[in-house]
Amino acid sequence: MSNISAQLVKELRERSGAGMMECKKALVENDGNIDVAMEWLRKSGLAKADKKASRVAAEGRIVAAQGAGKAVLVEVNCETDFVAKDASFLKFTDTVAGVALNSGATDIDALKAAAYPGASNVGEAAKALIVTIGEKIDVRRMARVANAGVIGSYIHGGRIGVLVTLKGGSEELAKGVAMHVAAMNPAYVRAEDVPADFLAKEKDIALSQMSDKEKAKPAEILEKIVGGKVNKIISEVTLLGQPYVLDTNLSVGDALKKEAADVIAVVRLAVGEGIEKVEEDFHAEVMKQAGLA
């Protein structure tokens, strides 16, 4: 069937997000049946989506969803910052966060297998979005917290997400601590969480930085000097020891004590962390294509 109207092509293009020529071909191949053509495009598109799986997707968005006594963070990646701001991508990520919260999924495989509105599951919905957007989409990571106490969540610019659960305290404090974690990214929560080998290394560094005159002091004095330097490092790398970003006159630990609160759990996700990005030299690529390199 070759007599395909422009209106029919337009309708299929709006429904599928595919190109005009692809839509026309799909309609010709399927005798103008728009529903069958849509399925044909999806199957063809999904094959293309599979080919995109080897691409690097290091941009994207961190999304959060929170309900009674539970909250989730989800990282969804794409290839470019442009797509990370696309309305379809934003809608997809928001929906995935809701699915993650309500499905009870505790890991990324369970999330990908969870039911998604209008698709069989999250994984298939991601593949369908690849057809529309034309970039690799990867539902990469998720984290869940459940707590009878207080949960605070904070998303910074869609690129950093934090969940904090407290025993005691208030929602305002929990969110404030989450904001602090987003800004300062402490390596540990408490001093007792700092590994012994890290402390031993910092002690050696402190000793190596001392002058011969300082090293000649009595052992107990030398120990106090080194201990002070190591304790300063511990304060810098622990959540409770750092100056609180919302009130730098207090440490985070002091801010918690004021409300008789304690940290139960901290989760922080940042877009693309741990993904090796490929740096493209566009100048070199153009020169190569032009036969000048």
C-alpha atoms as a PDB file:
ATOM      1  CA  MET A   1       0.000   0.000   0.000  1.00  0.00           C
ATOM      2  CA  SER A   2       1.664   3.213  -1.166  1.00  0.00           C
ATOM      3  CA  ASN A   3      -1.186   5.735  -0.813  1.00  0.00           C
ATOM      4  CA  ILE A   4      -0.412   6.881   2.739  1.00  0.00           C
ATOM      5  CA  SER A   5      -1.791  10.288   3.712  1.00  0.00           C
ATOM      6  CA  ALA A   6       0.385  12.958   5.280  1.00  0.00           C
ATOM      7  CA  GLN A   7      -2.119  13.184   8.144  1.00  0.00           C
ATOM      8  CA  LEU A   8      -1.673   9.488   8.947  1.00  0.00           C
ATOM      9  CA  VAL A   9       2.111   9.859   8.903  1.00  0.00           C
ATOM     10  CA  LYS A  10       1.841  12.911  11.173  1.00  0.00           C
ATOM     11  CA  GLU A  11      -0.375  11.032  13.636  1.00  0.00           C
ATOM     12  CA  LEU A  12       1.995   8.073  13.820  1.00  0.00           C
ATOM     13  CA  ARG A  13       4.968  10.398  14.215  1.00  0.00           C
ATOM     14  CA  GLU A  14       3.290  12.135  17.171  1.00  0.00           C
ATOM     15  CA  ARG A  15       2.431   8.800  18.778  1.00  0.00           C
ATOM     16  CA  SER A  16       5.810   7.165  18.256  1.00  0.00           C
ATOM     17  CA  GLY A  17       8.322   9.992  18.257  1.00  0.00           C
ATOM     18  CA  ALA A  18      10.022   8.334  15.263  1.00  0.00           C
ATOM     19  CA  GLY A  19      11.160  10.143  12.128  1.00  0.00           C
ATOM     20  CA  MET A  20       8.804  11.008   9.265  1.00  0.00           C
ATOM     21  CA  MET A  21      10.356   8.581   6.760  1.00  0.00           C
ATOM     22  CA  GLU A  22      10.392   5.768   9.323  1.00  0.00           C
ATOM     23  CA  CYS A  23       6.711   6.385  10.050  1.00  0.00           C
ATOM     24  CA  LYS A  24       5.814   6.356   6.364  1.00  0.00           C
ATOM     25  CA  LYS A  25       7.740   3.122   5.843  1.00  0.00           C
ATOM     26  CA  ALA A  26       6.013   1.535   8.847  1.00  0.00           C
ATOM     27  CA  LEU A  27       2.588   2.448   7.447  1.00  0.00           C
ATOM     28  CA  VAL A  28       3.451   1.192   3.952  1.00  0.00           C
ATOM     29  CA  GLU A  29       4.762  -2.082   5.363  1.00  0.00           C
ATOM     30  CA  ASN A  30       1.593  -2.569   7.413  1.00  0.00           C
ATOM     31  CA  ASP A  31      -1.110  -1.509   4.920  1.00  0.00           C
ATOM     32  CA  GLY A  32      -1.835   1.792   6.629  1.00  0.00           C
ATOM     33  CA  ASN A  33      -2.850   0.175   9.946  1.00  0.00           C
ATOM     34  CA  ILE A  34      -1.567   2.697  12.453  1.00  0.00           C
ATOM     35  CA  ASP A  35      -1.730   0.370  15.461  1.00  0.00           C
ATOM     36  CA  VAL A  36       0.218  -2.392  13.712  1.00  0.00           C
ATOM     37  CA  ALA A  37       2.630   0.212  12.337  1.00  0.00           C
ATOM     38  CA  MET A  38       3.165   1.502  15.878  1.00  0.00           C
ATOM     39  CA  GLU A  39       4.050  -2.002  17.040  1.00  0.00           C
ATOM     40  CA  TRP A  40       6.325  -2.430  14.010  1.00  0.00           C
ATOM     41  CA  LEU A  41       8.142   0.782  14.900  1.00  0.00           C
ATOM     42  CA  ARG A  42       8.503  -0.257  18.518  1.00  0.00           C
ATOM     43  CA  LYS A  43      10.049  -3.563  17.530  1.00  0.00           C
ATOM     44  CA  SER A  44      12.376  -1.854  15.092  1.00  0.00           C
ATOM     45  CA  GLY A  45      13.170   0.858  17.611  1.00  0.00           C
ATOM     46  CA  LEU A  46      13.877  -1.566  20.390  1.00  0.00           C
ATOM     47  CA  ALA A  47      16.439  -3.288  18.185  1.00  0.00           C
ATOM     48  CA  LYS A  48      18.107   0.107  17.730  1.00  0.00           C
ATOM     49  CA  ALA A  49      17.855   0.720  21.470  1.00  0.00           C
ATOM     50  CA  ASP A  50      19.767  -2.488  22.136  1.00  0.00           C
ATOM     51  CA  LYS A  51      22.587  -1.228  19.909  1.00  0.00           C
ATOM     52  CA  LYS A  52      22.822   1.900  22.074  1.00  0.00           C
ATOM     53  CA  ALA A  53      23.533  -0.211  25.176  1.00  0.00           C
ATOM     54  CA  SER A  54      27.291   0.029  24.630  1.00  0.00           C
ATOM     55  CA  ARG A  55      27.280   3.831  24.690  1.00  0.00           C
ATOM     56  CA  VAL A  56      28.404   5.781  27.757  1.00  0.00           C
ATOM     57  CA  ALA A  57      25.528   7.396  29.651  1.00  0.00           C
ATOM     58  CA  ALA A  58      27.072   9.557  32.361  1.00  0.00           C
ATOM     59  CA  GLU A  59      24.623  12.461  32.429  1.00  0.00           C
ATOM     60  CA  GLY A  60      21.106  12.258  33.827  1.00  0.00           C
ATOM     61  CA  ARG A  61      19.151  12.920  36.966  1.00  0.00           C
ATOM     62  CA  ILE A  62      18.807  11.896  40.601  1.00  0.00           C
ATOM     63  CA  VAL A  63      15.172  11.726  41.722  1.00  0.00           C
ATOM     64  CA  ALA A  64      13.598  11.134  45.125  1.00  0.00           C
ATOM     65  CA  ALA A  65      10.209   9.965  46.312  1.00  0.00           C
ATOM     66  CA  GLN A  66       9.037   9.876  49.909  1.00  0.00           C
ATOM     67  CA  GLY A  67       6.054   8.409  51.722  1.00  0.00           C
ATOM     68  CA  ALA A  68       5.069   7.445  55.242  1.00  0.00           C
ATOM     69  CA  GLY A  69       8.197   6.068  56.875  1.00  0.00           C
ATOM     70  CA  LYS A  70      10.026   5.374  53.617  1.00  0.00           C
ATOM     71  CA  ALA A  71      11.954   7.146  50.876  1.00  0.00           C
ATOM     72  CA  VAL A  72      13.945   6.282  47.767  1.00  0.00           C
ATOM     73  CA  LEU A  73      16.612   7.782  45.547  1.00  0.00           C
ATOM     74  CA  VAL A  74      16.986   6.698  41.920  1.00  0.00           C
ATOM     75  CA  GLU A  75      19.702   7.568  39.395  1.00  0.00           C
ATOM     76  CA  VAL A  76      18.638   7.513  35.749  1.00  0.00           C
ATOM     77  CA  ASN A  77      21.350   8.197  33.191  1.00  0.00           C
ATOM     78  CA  CYS A  78      21.359   9.514  29.640  1.00  0.00           C
ATOM     79  CA  GLU A  79      24.153  10.547  27.301  1.00  0.00           C
ATOM     80  CA  THR A  80      23.827  14.333  27.238  1.00  0.00           C
ATOM     81  CA  ASP A  81      22.878  17.168  29.548  1.00  0.00           C
ATOM     82  CA  PHE A  82      20.415  18.332  26.886  1.00  0.00           C
ATOM     83  CA  VAL A  83      18.358  15.127  27.205  1.00  0.00           C
ATOM     84  CA  ALA A  84      18.613  15.318  31.008  1.00  0.00           C
ATOM     85  CA  LYS A  85      16.407  18.428  30.753  1.00  0.00           C
ATOM     86  CA  ASP A  86      13.982  16.960  28.190  1.00  0.00           C
ATOM     87  CA  ALA A  87      10.330  16.873  29.299  1.00  0.00           C
ATOM     88  CA  SER A  88       9.912  13.195  28.367  1.00  0.00           C
ATOM     89  CA  PHE A  89      13.016  12.260  30.341  1.00  0.00           C
ATOM     90  CA  LEU A  90      11.889  14.295  33.366  1.00  0.00           C
ATOM     91  CA  LYS A  91       8.456  12.664  33.306  1.00  0.00           C
ATOM     92  CA  PHE A  92      10.016   9.203  33.014  1.00  0.00           C
ATOM     93  CA  THR A  93      12.391   9.747  35.937  1.00  0.00           C
ATOM     94  CA  ASP A  94       9.630  11.115  38.176  1.00  0.00           C
ATOM     95  CA  THR A  95       7.461   8.102  37.368  1.00  0.00           C
ATOM     96  CA  VAL A  96      10.321   5.679  38.022  1.00  0.00           C
ATOM     97  CA  ALA A  97      10.880   7.258  41.446  1.00  0.00           C
ATOM     98  CA  GLY A  98       7.204   6.710  42.282  1.00  0.00           C
ATOM     99  CA  VAL A  99       7.392   3.112  41.085  1.00  0.00           C
ATOM    100  CA  ALA A 100      10.520   2.563  43.192  1.00  0.00           C
ATOM    101  CA  LEU A 101       8.794   3.903  46.297  1.00  0.00           C
ATOM    102  CA  ASN A 102       5.519   2.044  45.912  1.00  0.00           C
ATOM    103  CA  SER A 103       6.730  -1.252  44.453  1.00  0.00           C
ATOM    104  CA  GLY A 104       8.889  -2.083  47.451  1.00  0.00           C
ATOM    105  CA  ALA A 105      11.893  -2.732  45.182  1.00  0.00           C
ATOM    106  CA  THR A 106      15.138  -2.812  47.132  1.00  0.00           C
ATOM    107  CA  ASP A 107      17.624  -3.141  44.271  1.00  0.00           C
ATOM    108  CA  ILE A 108      17.947  -2.013  40.677  1.00  0.00           C
ATOM    109  CA  ASP A 109      17.044  -5.381  39.132  1.00  0.00           C
ATOM    110  CA  ALA A 110      13.795  -5.495  41.096  1.00  0.00           C
ATOM    111  CA  LEU A 111      13.050  -1.929  40.067  1.00  0.00           C
ATOM    112  CA  LYS A 112      13.597  -2.661  36.367  1.00  0.00           C
ATOM    113  CA  ALA A 113      11.200  -5.596  36.660  1.00  0.00           C
ATOM    114  CA  ALA A 114       8.534  -3.556  38.485  1.00  0.00           C
ATOM    115  CA  ALA A 115       5.316  -2.625  36.674  1.00  0.00           C
ATOM    116  CA  TYR A 116       5.363   0.748  34.890  1.00  0.00           C
ATOM    117  CA  PRO A 117       2.227   2.640  33.773  1.00  0.00           C
ATOM    118  CA  GLY A 118       1.601   1.988  30.090  1.00  0.00           C
ATOM    119  CA  ALA A 119       4.431  -0.555  29.768  1.00  0.00           C
ATOM    120  CA  SER A 120       5.124  -4.042  31.053  1.00  0.00           C
ATOM    121  CA  ASN A 121       7.886  -2.864  33.395  1.00  0.00           C
ATOM    122  CA  VAL A 122      10.426  -0.105  34.038  1.00  0.00           C
ATOM    123  CA  GLY A 123      13.084  -1.762  31.878  1.00  0.00           C
ATOM    124  CA  GLU A 124      10.806  -1.910  28.845  1.00  0.00           C
ATOM    125  CA  ALA A 125       9.632   1.659  29.440  1.00  0.00           C
ATOM    126  CA  ALA A 126      13.279   2.779  29.353  1.00  0.00           C
ATOM    127  CA  LYS A 127      13.774   1.010  26.024  1.00  0.00           C
ATOM    128  CA  ALA A 128      10.679   2.686  24.616  1.00  0.00           C
ATOM    129  CA  LEU A 129      12.035   6.071  25.705  1.00  0.00           C
ATOM    130  CA  ILE A 130      15.279   5.356  23.834  1.00  0.00           C
ATOM    131  CA  VAL A 131      13.215   5.116  20.642  1.00  0.00           C
ATOM    132  CA  THR A 132      11.736   8.560  21.270  1.00  0.00           C
ATOM    133  CA  ILE A 133      14.848  10.327  22.527  1.00  0.00           C
ATOM    134  CA  GLY A 134      17.551   8.541  20.566  1.00  0.00           C
ATOM    135  CA  GLU A 135      20.001   8.205  23.443  1.00  0.00           C
ATOM    136  CA  LYS A 136      20.927   5.419  25.803  1.00  0.00           C
ATOM    137  CA  ILE A 137      18.774   5.541  28.950  1.00  0.00           C
ATOM    138  CA  ASP A 138      19.956   3.571  31.963  1.00  0.00           C
ATOM    139  CA  VAL A 139      18.083   3.147  35.243  1.00  0.00           C
ATOM    140  CA  ARG A 140      21.365   2.665  37.035  1.00  0.00           C
ATOM    141  CA  ARG A 141      21.045   2.814  40.816  1.00  0.00           C
ATOM    142  CA  MET A 142      18.529   3.091  43.609  1.00  0.00           C
ATOM    143  CA  ALA A 143      18.622   3.361  47.373  1.00  0.00           C
ATOM    144  CA  ARG A 144      15.803   2.874  49.870  1.00  0.00           C
ATOM    145  CA  VAL A 145      15.466   3.838  53.516  1.00  0.00           C
ATOM    146  CA  ALA A 146      12.686   2.881  55.891  1.00  0.00           C
ATOM    147  CA  ASN A 147      12.543   4.363  59.339  1.00  0.00           C
ATOM    148  CA  ALA A 148      10.108   4.726  62.206  1.00  0.00           C
ATOM    149  CA  GLY A 149      11.812   8.027  63.023  1.00  0.00           C
ATOM    150  CA  VAL A 150      12.414  11.062  60.824  1.00  0.00           C
ATOM    151  CA  ILE A 151      13.452  11.050  57.163  1.00  0.00           C
ATOM    152  CA  GLY A 152      14.966  14.022  55.368  1.00  0.00           C
ATOM    153  CA  SER A 153      15.570  14.193  51.620  1.00  0.00           C
ATOM    154  CA  TYR A 154      17.306  16.776  49.480  1.00  0.00           C
ATOM    155  CA  ILE A 155      17.960  17.010  45.745  1.00  0.00           C
ATOM    156  CA  HIS A 156      20.503  19.558  44.514  1.00  0.00           C
ATOM    157  CA  GLY A 157      19.976  20.587  40.912  1.00  0.00           C
ATOM    158  CA  GLY A 158      18.886  17.099  39.942  1.00  0.00           C
ATOM    159  CA  ARG A 159      22.517  15.970  40.128  1.00  0.00           C
ATOM    160  CA  ILE A 160      22.989  15.121  43.818  1.00  0.00           C
ATOM    161  CA  GLY A 161      20.461  13.367  46.026  1.00  0.00           C
ATOM    162  CA  VAL A 162      20.643  12.635  49.743  1.00  0.00           C
ATOM    163  CA  LEU A 163      18.489  10.720  52.201  1.00  0.00           C
ATOM    164  CA  VAL A 164      19.057  11.038  55.959  1.00  0.00           C
ATOM    165  CA  THR A 165      17.213   9.111  58.649  1.00  0.00           C
ATOM    166  CA  LEU A 166      17.261  10.313  62.242  1.00  0.00           C
ATOM    167  CA  LYS A 167      16.281   8.920  65.590  1.00  0.00           C
ATOM    168  CA  GLY A 168      14.613  11.895  67.224  1.00  0.00           C
ATOM    169  CA  GLY A 169      14.852  15.426  65.914  1.00  0.00           C
ATOM    170  CA  SER A 170      12.614  17.110  63.352  1.00  0.00           C
ATOM    171  CA  GLU A 171      11.970  16.985  59.616  1.00  0.00           C
ATOM    172  CA  GLU A 172      13.605  20.402  59.330  1.00  0.00           C
ATOM    173  CA  LEU A 173      16.781  19.096  60.998  1.00  0.00           C
ATOM    174  CA  ALA A 174      16.800  15.941  58.859  1.00  0.00           C
ATOM    175  CA  LYS A 175      16.532  18.009  55.683  1.00  0.00           C
ATOM    176  CA  GLY A 176      19.225  20.372  56.942  1.00  0.00           C
ATOM    177  CA  VAL A 177      21.598  17.461  57.548  1.00  0.00           C
ATOM    178  CA  ALA A 178      20.747  16.110  54.073  1.00  0.00           C
ATOM    179  CA  MET A 179      21.661  19.509  52.596  1.00  0.00           C
ATOM    180  CA  HIS A 180      24.937  19.410  54.522  1.00  0.00           C
ATOM    181  CA  VAL A 181      25.764  15.956  53.161  1.00  0.00           C
ATOM    182  CA  ALA A 182      24.993  17.132  49.620  1.00  0.00           C
ATOM    183  CA  ALA A 183      27.368  20.080  50.013  1.00  0.00           C
ATOM    184  CA  MET A 184      30.221  18.522  52.010  1.00  0.00           C
ATOM    185  CA  ASN A 185      30.075  14.809  51.089  1.00  0.00           C
ATOM    186  CA  PRO A 186      31.607  13.508  54.344  1.00  0.00           C
ATOM    187  CA  ALA A 187      33.392  10.185  53.941  1.00  0.00           C
ATOM    188  CA  TYR A 188      32.183   8.834  57.309  1.00  0.00           C
ATOM    189  CA  VAL A 189      29.400   9.549  59.788  1.00  0.00           C
ATOM    190  CA  ARG A 190      31.192   9.188  63.140  1.00  0.00           C
ATOM    191  CA  ALA A 191      34.779   9.134  64.368  1.00  0.00           C
ATOM    192  CA  GLU A 192      34.437   5.434  65.199  1.00  0.00           C
ATOM    193  CA  ASP A 193      33.574   4.750  61.539  1.00  0.00           C
ATOM    194  CA  VAL A 194      36.991   5.951  60.357  1.00  0.00           C
ATOM    195  CA  PRO A 195      39.186   2.914  59.456  1.00  0.00           C
ATOM    196  CA  ALA A 196      42.246   2.213  61.577  1.00  0.00           C
ATOM    197  CA  ASP A 197      44.543   2.152  58.535  1.00  0.00           C
ATOM    198  CA  PHE A 198      43.358   5.658  57.576  1.00  0.00           C
ATOM    199  CA  LEU A 199      44.191   6.910  61.082  1.00  0.00           C
ATOM    200  CA  ALA A 200      47.606   5.211  61.020  1.00  0.00           C
ATOM    201  CA  LYS A 201      48.410   6.846  57.691  1.00  0.00           C
ATOM    202  CA  GLU A 202      47.358  10.291  58.935  1.00  0.00           C
ATOM    203  CA  LYS A 203      49.477   9.788  62.078  1.00  0.00           C
ATOM    204  CA  ASP A 204      52.525   8.984  59.928  1.00  0.00           C
ATOM    205  CA  ILE A 205      51.893  12.065  57.800  1.00  0.00           C
ATOM    206  CA  ALA A 206      51.573  14.265  60.905  1.00  0.00           C
ATOM    207  CA  LEU A 207      54.877  12.929  62.241  1.00  0.00           C
ATOM    208  CA  SER A 208      56.669  13.435  58.918  1.00  0.00           C
ATOM    209  CA  GLN A 209      55.562  17.079  58.827  1.00  0.00           C
ATOM    210  CA  MET A 210      57.048  17.847  62.258  1.00  0.00           C
ATOM    211  CA  SER A 211      60.453  19.456  62.712  1.00  0.00           C
ATOM    212  CA  ASP A 212      63.333  17.674  64.422  1.00  0.00           C
ATOM    213  CA  LYS A 213      62.860  20.028  67.391  1.00  0.00           C
ATOM    214  CA  GLU A 214      59.216  18.998  67.753  1.00  0.00           C
ATOM    215  CA  LYS A 215      60.087  15.310  67.418  1.00  0.00           C
ATOM    216  CA  ALA A 216      62.602  15.671  70.257  1.00  0.00           C
ATOM    217  CA  LYS A 217      59.845  16.528  72.753  1.00  0.00           C
ATOM    218  CA  PRO A 218      58.803  13.979  75.420  1.00  0.00           C
ATOM    219  CA  ALA A 219      56.728  11.071  74.075  1.00  0.00           C
ATOM    220  CA  GLU A 220      53.540  12.056  75.909  1.00  0.00           C
ATOM    221  CA  ILE A 221      53.693  15.623  74.521  1.00  0.00           C
ATOM    222  CA  LEU A 222      54.506  14.344  71.044  1.00  0.00           C
ATOM    223  CA  GLU A 223      51.506  12.013  71.246  1.00  0.00           C
ATOM    224  CA  LYS A 224      49.223  14.914  72.175  1.00  0.00           C
ATOM    225  CA  ILE A 225      50.478  17.038  69.273  1.00  0.00           C
ATOM    226  CA  VAL A 226      50.032  14.206  66.764  1.00  0.00           C
ATOM    227  CA  GLY A 227      46.689  13.267  68.302  1.00  0.00           C
ATOM    228  CA  GLY A 228      45.447  16.831  67.904  1.00  0.00           C
ATOM    229  CA  LYS A 229      46.370  16.889  64.237  1.00  0.00           C
ATOM    230  CA  VAL A 230      44.712  13.519  63.603  1.00  0.00           C
ATOM    231  CA  ASN A 231      41.572  14.592  65.479  1.00  0.00           C
ATOM    232  CA  LYS A 232      41.377  17.655  63.246  1.00  0.00           C
ATOM    233  CA  ILE A 233      41.459  15.394  60.187  1.00  0.00           C
ATOM    234  CA  ILE A 234      38.757  13.180  61.721  1.00  0.00           C
ATOM    235  CA  SER A 235      36.524  16.219  62.176  1.00  0.00           C
ATOM    236  CA  GLU A 236      37.052  17.171  58.527  1.00  0.00           C
ATOM    237  CA  VAL A 237      36.055  13.749  57.135  1.00  0.00           C
ATOM    238  CA  THR A 238      33.155  12.868  59.453  1.00  0.00           C
ATOM    239  CA  LEU A 239      29.605  14.167  59.247  1.00  0.00           C
ATOM    240  CA  LEU A 240      29.256  14.753  62.975  1.00  0.00           C
ATOM    241  CA  GLY A 241      32.588  16.553  63.195  1.00  0.00           C
ATOM    242  CA  GLN A 242      32.140  18.993  60.299  1.00  0.00           C
ATOM    243  CA  PRO A 243      30.895  22.565  60.824  1.00  0.00           C
ATOM    244  CA  TYR A 244      27.171  22.548  60.035  1.00  0.00           C
ATOM    245  CA  VAL A 245      26.577  24.382  56.743  1.00  0.00           C
ATOM    246  CA  LEU A 246      23.370  25.959  58.060  1.00  0.00           C
ATOM    247  CA  ASP A 247      25.079  27.244  61.221  1.00  0.00           C
ATOM    248  CA  THR A 248      28.861  27.136  61.068  1.00  0.00           C
ATOM    249  CA  ASN A 249      29.091  28.046  64.777  1.00  0.00           C
ATOM    250  CA  LEU A 250      27.978  24.461  65.437  1.00  0.00           C
ATOM    251  CA  SER A 251      29.244  21.094  64.302  1.00  0.00           C
ATOM    252  CA  VAL A 252      26.646  18.753  62.813  1.00  0.00           C
ATOM    253  CA  GLY A 253      27.015  16.677  65.979  1.00  0.00           C
ATOM    254  CA  ASP A 254      26.200  19.729  68.119  1.00  0.00           C
ATOM    255  CA  ALA A 255      23.159  20.552  65.970  1.00  0.00           C
ATOM    256  CA  LEU A 256      21.886  17.012  66.484  1.00  0.00           C
ATOM    257  CA  LYS A 257      22.484  17.159  70.237  1.00  0.00           C
ATOM    258  CA  LYS A 258      20.384  20.316  70.501  1.00  0.00           C
ATOM    259  CA  GLU A 259      17.369  18.264  69.382  1.00  0.00           C
ATOM    260  CA  ALA A 260      18.435  15.034  71.117  1.00  0.00           C
ATOM    261  CA  ALA A 261      18.741  13.410  67.707  1.00  0.00           C
ATOM    262  CA  ASP A 262      21.081  10.815  66.235  1.00  0.00           C
ATOM    263  CA  VAL A 263      21.859   9.713  62.676  1.00  0.00           C
ATOM    264  CA  ILE A 264      20.633   6.258  61.712  1.00  0.00           C
ATOM    265  CA  ALA A 265      21.521   6.208  58.007  1.00  0.00           C
ATOM    266  CA  VAL A 266      22.893   8.442  55.261  1.00  0.00           C
ATOM    267  CA  VAL A 267      22.660   7.831  51.505  1.00  0.00           C
ATOM    268  CA  ARG A 268      24.178  10.120  48.865  1.00  0.00           C
ATOM    269  CA  LEU A 269      24.037   9.619  45.089  1.00  0.00           C
ATOM    270  CA  ALA A 270      25.597  11.894  42.472  1.00  0.00           C
ATOM    271  CA  VAL A 271      24.955  11.674  38.739  1.00  0.00           C
ATOM    272  CA  GLY A 272      27.585   9.718  36.861  1.00  0.00           C
ATOM    273  CA  GLU A 273      29.899   8.992  39.786  1.00  0.00           C
ATOM    274  CA  GLY A 274      32.008   5.941  39.007  1.00  0.00           C
ATOM    275  CA  ILE A 275      31.294   6.106  35.260  1.00  0.00           C
ATOM    276  CA  GLU A 276      34.303   6.634  33.047  1.00  0.00           C
ATOM    277  CA  LYS A 277      33.408   9.347  30.566  1.00  0.00           C
ATOM    278  CA  VAL A 278      34.785   9.334  27.044  1.00  0.00           C
ATOM    279  CA  GLU A 279      36.289  12.707  26.194  1.00  0.00           C
ATOM    280  CA  GLU A 280      35.724  13.393  22.510  1.00  0.00           C
ATOM    281  CA  ASP A 281      38.083  15.611  20.535  1.00  0.00           C
ATOM    282  CA  PHE A 282      35.680  17.117  17.992  1.00  0.00           C
ATOM    283  CA  HIS A 283      38.423  19.105  16.275  1.00  0.00           C
ATOM    284  CA  ALA A 284      40.438  15.928  15.669  1.00  0.00           C
ATOM    285  CA  GLU A 285      37.333  14.107  14.462  1.00  0.00           C
ATOM    286  CA  VAL A 286      36.506  16.835  11.922  1.00  0.00           C
ATOM    287  CA  MET A 287      40.105  16.918  10.692  1.00  0.00           C
ATOM    288  CA  LYS A 288      40.070  13.152  10.321  1.00  0.00           C
ATOM    289  CA  GLN A 289      36.817  13.233   8.339  1.00  0.00           C
ATOM    290  CA  ALA A 290      38.268  15.945   6.113  1.00  0.00           C
ATOM    291  CA  GLY A 291      41.379  13.831   5.460  1.00  0.00           C
ATOM    292  CA  LEU A 292      43.612  16.426   7.140  1.00  0.00           C
ATOM    293  CA  ALA A 293      44.824  14.251  10.009  1.00  0.00           C
END
